[in-house]
Amino acid sequence: VQLQASGGGLVQAGGSLRLSCVASGSTFSSYNMGWFREAPGKEREFVAVITWSGGNAYYRDSVKGRFTISRDNTKNTVYLQMDSLKPEDTAVYYCAARPRRRDYYCSGYGCRDPVSYDDWGLGTLVTVSS
C-alpha cells in the first residue's frame, strides 16, 4: 500500500494540527494503521495506532489525552488530531500500515514496533515553537 501524509506545519505551543494519511493501491481496511515520529537525533517512536475497523486505538503515554487517531475507511484515510501541542512534539511524523492478519486487535506489542510495519509514507514535519 502507498501512503501519503500531509498536514504538518509550524504551530505555537498549545496549538493544534491535524495530520492526514491517504492510502492507495490496496484494501485500506486490511491494515491496522500507525503514526510514528522521529525527532532530530532520536529514534523513530510509536505515537498511536488504530485497528482496521477503528474499534481500538492505543497511544504512547506522553500524548494520551492530547492526540486522537481516527480513520475513514470510505476515504482510505487515517488522521491524527494533535491538540495542546508541546515543543517536545516537534518531529517528522510518519504514517505506516501493518496487515491486520498479524494482530487484528493490536493486543500485542507488535503494533507499537516500527519494525513490524511494512509500508511507510514519506513523513510530514511538525514544529512546535515555545
C-alpha atoms as a PDB file:
ATOM      1  CA  VAL A   1       0.000   0.000   0.000  1.00  0.00           C
ATOM      2  CA  GLN A   2       1.221   3.505  -0.828  1.00  0.00           C
ATOM      3  CA  LEU A   3       0.860   6.180   1.827  1.00  0.00           C
ATOM      4  CA  GLN A   4       0.918   9.958   1.597  1.00  0.00           C
ATOM      5  CA  ALA A   5       0.969  12.020   4.776  1.00  0.00           C
ATOM      6  CA  SER A   6       0.178  15.711   4.998  1.00  0.00           C
ATOM      7  CA  GLY A   7      -0.881  18.398   7.424  1.00  0.00           C
ATOM      8  CA  GLY A   8       2.340  19.230   9.200  1.00  0.00           C
ATOM      9  CA  GLY A   9       3.496  22.755   9.834  1.00  0.00           C
ATOM     10  CA  LEU A  10       4.658  25.322  12.349  1.00  0.00           C
ATOM     11  CA  VAL A  11       2.456  25.937  15.358  1.00  0.00           C
ATOM     12  CA  GLN A  12       2.860  27.614  18.721  1.00  0.00           C
ATOM     13  CA  ALA A  13       2.803  25.628  21.913  1.00  0.00           C
ATOM     14  CA  GLY A  14      -0.772  24.934  22.926  1.00  0.00           C
ATOM     15  CA  GLY A  15      -1.962  24.920  19.348  1.00  0.00           C
ATOM     16  CA  SER A  16      -3.437  22.167  17.206  1.00  0.00           C
ATOM     17  CA  LEU A  17      -2.749  20.386  13.950  1.00  0.00           C
ATOM     18  CA  ARG A  18      -4.471  17.558  12.120  1.00  0.00           C
ATOM     19  CA  LEU A  19      -2.383  15.163  10.120  1.00  0.00           C
ATOM     20  CA  SER A  20      -3.869  13.082   7.327  1.00  0.00           C
ATOM     21  CA  CYS A  21      -2.569  10.000   5.584  1.00  0.00           C
ATOM     22  CA  VAL A  22      -4.167   8.775   2.379  1.00  0.00           C
ATOM     23  CA  ALA A  23      -3.626   5.187   1.281  1.00  0.00           C
ATOM     24  CA  SER A  24      -3.799   3.740  -2.201  1.00  0.00           C
ATOM     25  CA  GLY A  25      -3.017   0.554  -4.002  1.00  0.00           C
ATOM     26  CA  SER A  26      -4.574  -1.939  -1.640  1.00  0.00           C
ATOM     27  CA  THR A  27      -7.615  -2.555   0.530  1.00  0.00           C
ATOM     28  CA  PHE A  28      -7.291   0.025   3.282  1.00  0.00           C
ATOM     29  CA  SER A  29      -9.394  -1.910   5.776  1.00  0.00           C
ATOM     30  CA  SER A  30      -6.911  -4.778   5.594  1.00  0.00           C
ATOM     31  CA  TYR A  31      -4.463  -2.742   7.625  1.00  0.00           C
ATOM     32  CA  ASN A  32      -4.005  -1.508  11.124  1.00  0.00           C
ATOM     33  CA  MET A  33      -2.604   2.000  10.807  1.00  0.00           C
ATOM     34  CA  GLY A  34       0.019   3.642  12.961  1.00  0.00           C
ATOM     35  CA  TRP A  35       1.558   7.043  13.429  1.00  0.00           C
ATOM     36  CA  PHE A  36       5.198   7.322  14.411  1.00  0.00           C
ATOM     37  CA  ARG A  37       7.542  10.249  14.821  1.00  0.00           C
ATOM     38  CA  GLU A  38      11.222  10.909  14.618  1.00  0.00           C
ATOM     39  CA  ALA A  39      12.826  13.901  16.282  1.00  0.00           C
ATOM     40  CA  PRO A  40      16.308  15.091  15.344  1.00  0.00           C
ATOM     41  CA  GLY A  41      18.927  12.820  16.845  1.00  0.00           C
ATOM     42  CA  LYS A  42      16.364  10.378  18.194  1.00  0.00           C
ATOM     43  CA  GLU A  43      14.987   7.033  17.141  1.00  0.00           C
ATOM     44  CA  ARG A  44      11.638   6.666  15.500  1.00  0.00           C
ATOM     45  CA  GLU A  45       8.987   6.170  18.156  1.00  0.00           C
ATOM     46  CA  PHE A  46       5.417   4.988  18.341  1.00  0.00           C
ATOM     47  CA  VAL A  47       2.729   7.646  18.681  1.00  0.00           C
ATOM     48  CA  ALA A  48      -0.627   5.954  18.069  1.00  0.00           C
ATOM     49  CA  VAL A  49      -2.271   3.051  16.292  1.00  0.00           C
ATOM     50  CA  ILE A  50      -5.812   2.286  15.211  1.00  0.00           C
ATOM     51  CA  THR A  51      -7.113  -1.116  14.267  1.00  0.00           C
ATOM     52  CA  TRP A  52      -8.546  -1.912  10.854  1.00  0.00           C
ATOM     53  CA  SER A  53     -12.161  -1.276  11.845  1.00  0.00           C
ATOM     54  CA  GLY A  54     -11.427   1.733  14.002  1.00  0.00           C
ATOM     55  CA  GLY A  55     -12.601  -0.170  17.037  1.00  0.00           C
ATOM     56  CA  ASN A  56      -9.393   0.039  19.029  1.00  0.00           C
ATOM     57  CA  ALA A  57      -6.830   2.776  19.422  1.00  0.00           C
ATOM     58  CA  TYR A  58      -3.697   2.987  21.509  1.00  0.00           C
ATOM     59  CA  TYR A  59      -1.332   5.845  22.336  1.00  0.00           C
ATOM     60  CA  ARG A  60       2.058   6.446  23.841  1.00  0.00           C
ATOM     61  CA  ASP A  61       1.700   7.806  27.326  1.00  0.00           C
ATOM     62  CA  SER A  62       3.036  11.275  26.568  1.00  0.00           C
ATOM     63  CA  VAL A  63       0.274  12.024  24.028  1.00  0.00           C
ATOM     64  CA  LYS A  64      -2.702  10.450  25.787  1.00  0.00           C
ATOM     65  CA  GLY A  65      -5.476  12.973  26.229  1.00  0.00           C
ATOM     66  CA  ARG A  66      -3.918  15.331  23.655  1.00  0.00           C
ATOM     67  CA  PHE A  67      -3.807  13.298  20.431  1.00  0.00           C
ATOM     68  CA  THR A  68      -6.622  11.386  18.763  1.00  0.00           C
ATOM     69  CA  ILE A  69      -6.215   8.871  15.975  1.00  0.00           C
ATOM     70  CA  SER A  70      -9.138   8.076  13.693  1.00  0.00           C
ATOM     71  CA  ARG A  71      -9.791   6.620  10.276  1.00  0.00           C
ATOM     72  CA  ASP A  72     -12.331   6.774   7.495  1.00  0.00           C
ATOM     73  CA  ASN A  73     -12.249   3.562   5.504  1.00  0.00           C
ATOM     74  CA  THR A  74     -14.527   5.043   2.840  1.00  0.00           C
ATOM     75  CA  LYS A  75     -11.853   7.670   2.154  1.00  0.00           C
ATOM     76  CA  ASN A  76      -8.823   5.408   2.691  1.00  0.00           C
ATOM     77  CA  THR A  77      -7.549   7.935   5.204  1.00  0.00           C
ATOM     78  CA  VAL A  78      -6.184   7.891   8.730  1.00  0.00           C
ATOM     79  CA  TYR A  79      -5.973  11.050  10.821  1.00  0.00           C
ATOM     80  CA  LEU A  80      -4.028  12.253  13.809  1.00  0.00           C
ATOM     81  CA  GLN A  81      -5.621  15.175  15.624  1.00  0.00           C
ATOM     82  CA  MET A  82      -2.994  16.821  17.790  1.00  0.00           C
ATOM     83  CA  ASP A  83      -4.107  19.295  20.446  1.00  0.00           C
ATOM     84  CA  SER A  84      -2.257  21.089  23.232  1.00  0.00           C
ATOM     85  CA  LEU A  85       0.959  20.676  21.315  1.00  0.00           C
ATOM     86  CA  LYS A  86       4.259  20.972  23.142  1.00  0.00           C
ATOM     87  CA  PRO A  87       7.746  21.769  21.850  1.00  0.00           C
ATOM     88  CA  GLU A  88       8.740  18.162  22.574  1.00  0.00           C
ATOM     89  CA  ASP A  89       6.201  17.032  19.978  1.00  0.00           C
ATOM     90  CA  THR A  90       8.423  18.532  17.285  1.00  0.00           C
ATOM     91  CA  ALA A  91       9.337  15.760  14.846  1.00  0.00           C
ATOM     92  CA  VAL A  92       8.747  14.310  11.435  1.00  0.00           C
ATOM     93  CA  TYR A  93       5.542  12.298  11.640  1.00  0.00           C
ATOM     94  CA  TYR A  94       5.076   9.150   9.599  1.00  0.00           C
ATOM     95  CA  CYS A  95       2.049   7.022   8.923  1.00  0.00           C
ATOM     96  CA  ALA A  96       2.536   3.296   8.457  1.00  0.00           C
ATOM     97  CA  ALA A  97       0.472   0.247   7.556  1.00  0.00           C
ATOM     98  CA  ARG A  98       0.562  -3.169   9.202  1.00  0.00           C
ATOM     99  CA  PRO A  99      -1.515  -6.069   7.840  1.00  0.00           C
ATOM    100  CA  ARG A 100      -4.369  -6.749  10.211  1.00  0.00           C
ATOM    101  CA  ARG A 101      -3.909 -10.513   9.957  1.00  0.00           C
ATOM    102  CA  ARG A 102      -0.833 -10.224  12.209  1.00  0.00           C
ATOM    103  CA  ASP A 103      -2.853  -8.922  15.140  1.00  0.00           C
ATOM    104  CA  TYR A 104      -6.441  -7.940  14.475  1.00  0.00           C
ATOM    105  CA  TYR A 105      -6.905  -6.043  17.712  1.00  0.00           C
ATOM    106  CA  CYS A 106      -3.342  -4.845  18.346  1.00  0.00           C
ATOM    107  CA  SER A 107      -3.333  -6.737  21.597  1.00  0.00           C
ATOM    108  CA  GLY A 108       0.387  -7.351  21.436  1.00  0.00           C
ATOM    109  CA  TYR A 109       3.446  -5.152  21.323  1.00  0.00           C
ATOM    110  CA  GLY A 110       3.836  -5.547  17.570  1.00  0.00           C
ATOM    111  CA  CYS A 111       1.527  -2.666  16.733  1.00  0.00           C
ATOM    112  CA  ARG A 112       3.877  -0.340  18.644  1.00  0.00           C
ATOM    113  CA  ASP A 113       7.035  -1.614  16.981  1.00  0.00           C
ATOM    114  CA  PRO A 114       8.029   0.268  13.806  1.00  0.00           C
ATOM    115  CA  VAL A 115       9.971  -2.772  12.603  1.00  0.00           C
ATOM    116  CA  SER A 116       6.728  -4.699  12.209  1.00  0.00           C
ATOM    117  CA  TYR A 117       5.196  -2.243   9.722  1.00  0.00           C
ATOM    118  CA  ASP A 118       5.525  -2.976   6.036  1.00  0.00           C
ATOM    119  CA  ASP A 119       4.671   0.290   4.348  1.00  0.00           C
ATOM    120  CA  TRP A 120       5.517   3.877   5.220  1.00  0.00           C
ATOM    121  CA  GLY A 121       4.640   7.327   3.994  1.00  0.00           C
ATOM    122  CA  LEU A 122       7.324   9.959   3.449  1.00  0.00           C
ATOM    123  CA  GLY A 123       6.545  11.898   6.597  1.00  0.00           C
ATOM    124  CA  THR A 124       5.375  15.375   7.416  1.00  0.00           C
ATOM    125  CA  LEU A 125       7.238  17.837   9.626  1.00  0.00           C
ATOM    126  CA  VAL A 126       5.601  19.220  12.751  1.00  0.00           C
ATOM    127  CA  THR A 127       7.370  22.072  14.503  1.00  0.00           C
ATOM    128  CA  VAL A 128       6.061  23.406  17.794  1.00  0.00           C
ATOM    129  CA  SER A 129       7.526  26.676  18.966  1.00  0.00           C
ATOM    130  CA  SER A 130       7.658  27.702  22.607  1.00  0.00           C
END
